[in-house]
Every structure is written in structure tokens, then in C-alpha cells.
Amino acid sequence: MAAPYEREITVPPEVVDEILRTGGNRRGSQLRLIYNYMIEQTPEAATAYVKREYGKGGKGFTIYGTDYSVWFDELGLQIAAGRSVREQAIEKAFLSWGDVAGRIHQLLKQGEYAPQPVLDAARGNALREYANALANMERDIEAEYSHILFDEADMEMFKGGFPDEVEKVSRYLDRQENVDRLVARLRDFASAYNDRRAGLRGDRLFR
């Protein structure tokens, strides 16, 4: 199925699709985008996520023997033949973040966004990234407040150092009941942080 904007741009649609398949500039961007579409959400929420994932930056490609430059910022994504989107070019396109999010979703549904091994890797990558963030959080929280997030049994998974620690936390997060409990505790922790922050010297909840 063709993209809705195909007739409105001069850049070949297959070039746009090749560029969209690469995601943003951050490592793991394509995997995070894939995983995000595994979550039930509104089109508006998906668009907001895609915009955050891309952020602001540029990149260059050579596709079918032609150089293309790409720039993305809060307004959307620009593609132009040549070494800069600021140059005059016959082939040029501007995509809103709604266009980008919608086309990525469309390509995923059509099985044209990424090969199956990449799709299969998306969830594991998400678990490792969340596990790494959680492990870093555990290190930064003052010991007297860590009980708000983690009970004594949970603390066992933070022993052993990287990469064993991340692997254990990943397995913990792979169970929905653990995620539900953690989300509830994060809300409690955020509430405690906001309640006590004004009376603490600096951010005493964190080391």
C-alpha cells in the first residue's frame, strides 16, 4: 500500500521508506520504534513517541546511486537529494511527524519495515534498556528510600554487577506482574520525592 503523501512529494517513495526504516540517530532507534508499535496506543501517542525518538539531528544516505540528506526537528522530517536539505533540489520532501509515524506503522503492518529477526529482537532490546535504567536508578537512590521501590527479595537481582545484573533485571521485567508492581511503586516513589524534595538539601533521595 502506498503512503498517503506519495503524490505530494518529489522524492521517490521507496527512498523515503528506506530512510524511515533506519529510525533516528540514537543507537537502537529502529528497535525502540518497532517495540513502541507493539503497545496499544492512540495515533496521537504513537506520533508523540516517534517525535521524541527522533529528536533533532541529521544524517546522509546514498540510495540507488543518489546522495540524500535528511534533517529532523520539532517540525518534522525533511529529505532532499544532495548533501544538504538547505540546497535547492528537484527531489525534496517534508513529512510531518504524523506522516512519519503513520508510514512506519503502515510498513510494519505490511511486513515491510524490517526483517523478522530484527522484529523478534525488539522486545529483548526494550527489556535490556529498561533493566539498565532500573539498575542505574537503584545505584543512585539513597539506601533509606530504596525500600519504596524495591523489597528485600528484589534487591537480590541487583547483586553481581554488569552484565549479570542487567540480565537478572531483564528477566524480572519480562513478567507482567512484576512490571505492574514496579509501576505502582514508582508512582509512590514519585509522590514521596515530590513531598520531601522541598525540605531536603539538594536531591537527597539520590546519592
Protein backbone atom coordinates (compact mmCIF):
# COMPACT_ATOMS: atom_id res chain seq x y z
CA MET A 1 0.00 0.00 0.00
CA ALA A 2 1.33 3.42 -0.96
CA ALA A 3 1.97 6.16 1.57
CA PRO A 4 -0.81 8.80 1.71
CA TYR A 5 1.68 11.56 0.90
CA GLU A 6 3.27 9.76 -2.09
CA ARG A 7 1.77 12.04 -4.75
CA GLU A 8 2.64 15.17 -2.80
CA ILE A 9 6.44 14.73 -2.76
CA THR A 10 9.12 14.52 -5.42
CA VAL A 11 11.43 12.15 -3.53
CA PRO A 12 10.82 8.56 -4.72
CA PRO A 13 8.60 6.81 -2.16
CA GLU A 14 10.93 3.82 -1.97
CA VAL A 15 13.73 6.19 -0.92
CA VAL A 16 11.56 7.64 1.85
CA ASP A 17 10.77 4.13 3.08
CA GLU A 18 14.45 3.15 3.11
CA ILE A 19 15.23 6.22 5.22
CA LEU A 20 12.34 5.63 7.62
CA ARG A 21 13.48 2.05 8.19
CA THR A 22 16.69 3.34 9.81
CA GLY A 23 14.96 5.29 12.58
CA GLY A 24 16.70 8.17 14.32
CA ASN A 25 20.35 8.69 15.18
CA ARG A 26 20.47 7.05 18.61
CA ARG A 27 21.68 3.50 18.95
CA GLY A 28 18.79 1.04 18.95
CA SER A 29 16.34 3.58 17.50
CA GLN A 30 14.83 1.16 14.98
CA LEU A 31 14.26 -1.47 17.68
CA ARG A 32 12.63 1.04 20.02
CA LEU A 33 10.32 2.25 17.26
CA ILE A 34 9.30 -1.34 16.49
CA TYR A 35 8.63 -2.12 20.14
CA ASN A 36 6.58 1.05 20.58
CA TYR A 37 4.14 -0.19 17.95
CA MET A 38 3.67 -3.42 19.88
CA ILE A 39 1.93 -1.35 22.57
CA GLU A 40 -1.74 -0.47 22.19
CA GLN A 41 -1.99 3.31 21.90
CA THR A 42 -3.68 6.14 20.06
CA PRO A 43 -2.23 7.54 16.81
CA GLU A 44 -1.51 10.74 18.71
CA ALA A 45 0.54 8.89 21.33
CA ALA A 46 2.45 7.00 18.63
CA THR A 47 3.22 10.25 16.83
CA ALA A 48 4.45 11.89 20.04
CA TYR A 49 6.75 8.91 20.72
CA VAL A 50 8.21 8.92 17.20
CA LYS A 51 8.90 12.66 17.50
CA ARG A 52 10.71 12.14 20.83
CA GLU A 53 12.70 9.17 19.50
CA TYR A 54 14.00 11.11 16.50
CA GLY A 55 14.67 14.31 18.42
CA LYS A 56 16.79 16.74 16.45
CA GLY A 57 19.59 15.89 14.03
CA GLY A 58 20.59 14.93 10.53
CA LYS A 59 22.00 12.06 8.53
CA GLY A 60 23.03 11.22 4.99
CA PHE A 61 22.41 8.29 2.65
CA THR A 62 23.37 7.05 -0.77
CA ILE A 63 20.38 5.21 -2.19
CA TYR A 64 20.24 3.82 -5.74
CA GLY A 65 23.36 5.83 -6.55
CA THR A 66 21.96 9.19 -5.40
CA ASP A 67 23.01 11.12 -2.28
CA TYR A 68 20.20 12.16 0.07
CA SER A 69 20.34 14.40 3.11
CA VAL A 70 17.88 14.19 6.00
CA TRP A 71 17.09 16.68 8.75
CA PHE A 72 14.59 16.24 11.57
CA ASP A 73 13.48 18.60 14.34
CA GLU A 74 10.34 19.57 16.25
CA LEU A 75 8.54 20.40 12.99
CA GLY A 76 9.06 17.12 11.16
CA LEU A 77 11.45 15.35 8.80
CA GLN A 78 12.98 16.78 5.61
CA ILE A 79 14.59 14.77 2.82
CA ALA A 80 16.43 16.23 -0.17
CA ALA A 81 18.65 14.92 -2.93
CA GLY A 82 22.15 16.25 -2.34
CA ARG A 83 24.39 16.96 0.62
CA SER A 84 22.08 19.39 2.48
CA VAL A 85 18.35 19.91 2.84
CA ARG A 86 19.07 23.64 2.53
CA GLU A 87 20.19 23.25 -1.07
CA GLN A 88 17.81 23.72 -3.98
CA ALA A 89 16.81 20.25 -5.15
CA ILE A 90 14.32 18.78 -7.57
CA GLU A 91 13.78 15.84 -5.23
CA LYS A 92 12.67 17.22 -1.89
CA ALA A 93 10.09 16.26 0.74
CA PHE A 94 8.78 17.40 4.09
CA LEU A 95 6.99 14.88 6.31
CA SER A 96 5.11 15.82 9.46
CA TRP A 97 5.62 13.59 12.48
CA GLY A 98 2.13 12.25 11.84
CA ASP A 99 3.27 11.27 8.33
CA VAL A 100 6.37 9.56 9.71
CA ALA A 101 4.53 7.69 12.46
CA GLY A 102 1.73 6.66 10.13
CA ARG A 103 4.06 5.34 7.44
CA ILE A 104 6.21 3.37 9.90
CA HIS A 105 3.04 1.77 11.26
CA GLN A 106 1.88 1.03 7.73
CA LEU A 107 5.19 -0.59 6.79
CA LEU A 108 5.11 -2.71 9.94
CA LYS A 109 1.59 -3.95 9.20
CA GLN A 110 2.64 -4.79 5.64
CA GLY A 111 5.71 -6.65 6.86
CA GLU A 112 7.98 -4.23 5.02
CA TYR A 113 9.68 -2.29 7.82
CA ALA A 114 12.32 -4.77 8.98
CA PRO A 115 13.23 -8.46 8.56
CA GLN A 116 11.77 -10.91 11.07
CA PRO A 117 14.98 -11.35 13.15
CA VAL A 118 15.01 -7.58 13.77
CA LEU A 119 11.33 -7.58 14.73
CA ASP A 120 11.98 -10.50 17.09
CA ALA A 121 14.84 -8.61 18.76
CA ALA A 122 12.75 -5.54 19.62
CA ARG A 123 11.25 -6.80 22.89
CA GLY A 124 14.56 -8.14 24.20
CA ASN A 125 16.23 -4.83 23.43
CA ALA A 126 13.49 -2.95 25.29
CA LEU A 127 13.84 -5.20 28.34
CA ARG A 128 17.63 -4.66 28.42
CA GLU A 129 17.30 -0.90 28.10
CA TYR A 130 14.70 -0.72 30.87
CA ALA A 131 16.78 -3.08 33.00
CA ASN A 132 19.86 -0.91 32.57
CA ALA A 133 17.90 2.21 33.55
CA LEU A 134 16.46 0.46 36.60
CA ALA A 135 19.88 -0.80 37.70
CA ASN A 136 21.28 2.72 37.45
CA MET A 137 18.34 4.07 39.44
CA GLU A 138 18.93 1.52 42.19
CA ARG A 139 22.53 2.70 42.49
CA ASP A 140 21.53 6.37 42.70
CA ILE A 141 18.75 6.18 45.29
CA GLU A 142 19.70 6.77 48.91
CA ALA A 143 19.50 3.50 50.84
CA GLU A 144 16.90 4.84 53.25
CA TYR A 145 14.47 5.43 50.38
CA SER A 146 15.18 2.38 48.20
CA HIS A 147 12.57 0.31 50.09
CA ILE A 148 9.87 2.40 48.42
CA LEU A 149 10.81 0.83 45.09
CA PHE A 150 12.39 -2.49 45.99
CA ASP A 151 11.72 -5.07 48.67
CA GLU A 152 14.40 -7.34 50.13
CA ALA A 153 13.78 -10.08 47.56
CA ASP A 154 14.06 -7.58 44.70
CA MET A 155 17.45 -6.38 45.91
CA GLU A 156 18.97 -9.78 45.13
CA MET A 157 18.73 -9.11 41.40
CA PHE A 158 21.00 -6.07 41.75
CA LYS A 159 23.89 -8.16 43.03
CA GLY A 160 26.66 -9.43 40.78
CA GLY A 161 27.46 -6.41 38.63
CA PHE A 162 27.11 -5.91 34.91
CA PRO A 163 26.16 -7.72 32.67
CA ASP A 164 24.70 -10.34 35.05
CA GLU A 165 22.74 -7.68 36.89
CA VAL A 166 21.08 -6.40 33.72
CA GLU A 167 20.23 -9.96 32.66
CA LYS A 168 18.55 -10.67 36.01
CA VAL A 169 16.59 -7.41 35.95
CA SER A 170 15.54 -8.14 32.34
CA ARG A 171 14.07 -11.47 33.44
CA TYR A 172 12.28 -9.67 36.29
CA LEU A 173 10.75 -7.16 33.87
CA ASP A 174 9.68 -9.93 31.49
CA ARG A 175 6.90 -10.85 33.92
CA GLN A 176 3.85 -8.59 33.74
CA GLU A 177 3.01 -8.92 37.44
CA ASN A 178 6.46 -7.55 38.32
CA VAL A 179 6.01 -4.64 35.92
CA ASP A 180 2.59 -3.81 37.40
CA ARG A 181 4.01 -3.84 40.91
CA LEU A 182 7.00 -1.73 39.88
CA VAL A 183 4.81 0.86 38.16
CA ALA A 184 2.73 1.23 41.34
CA ARG A 185 5.89 1.61 43.43
CA LEU A 186 7.33 4.18 41.00
CA ARG A 187 4.19 6.25 41.49
CA ASP A 188 4.65 6.02 45.27
CA PHE A 189 8.31 6.96 44.91
CA ALA A 190 7.48 9.96 42.71
CA SER A 191 4.95 11.10 45.28
CA ALA A 192 7.47 10.73 48.12
CA TYR A 193 10.10 12.55 46.07
CA ASN A 194 7.79 15.49 45.40
CA ASP A 195 6.59 15.64 49.02
CA ARG A 196 10.08 15.65 50.56
CA ARG A 197 12.15 17.46 47.95
CA ALA A 198 11.44 20.96 49.32
CA GLY A 199 12.81 20.08 52.75
CA LEU A 200 15.93 18.26 51.55
CA ARG A 201 19.39 19.65 50.81
CA GLY A 202 19.75 19.14 47.09
CA ASP A 203 18.21 15.90 45.86
CA ARG A 204 18.82 13.83 48.98
CA LEU A 205 16.68 10.99 47.64
CA PHE A 206 19.56 10.39 45.26
CA ARG A 207 23.22 9.92 46.06
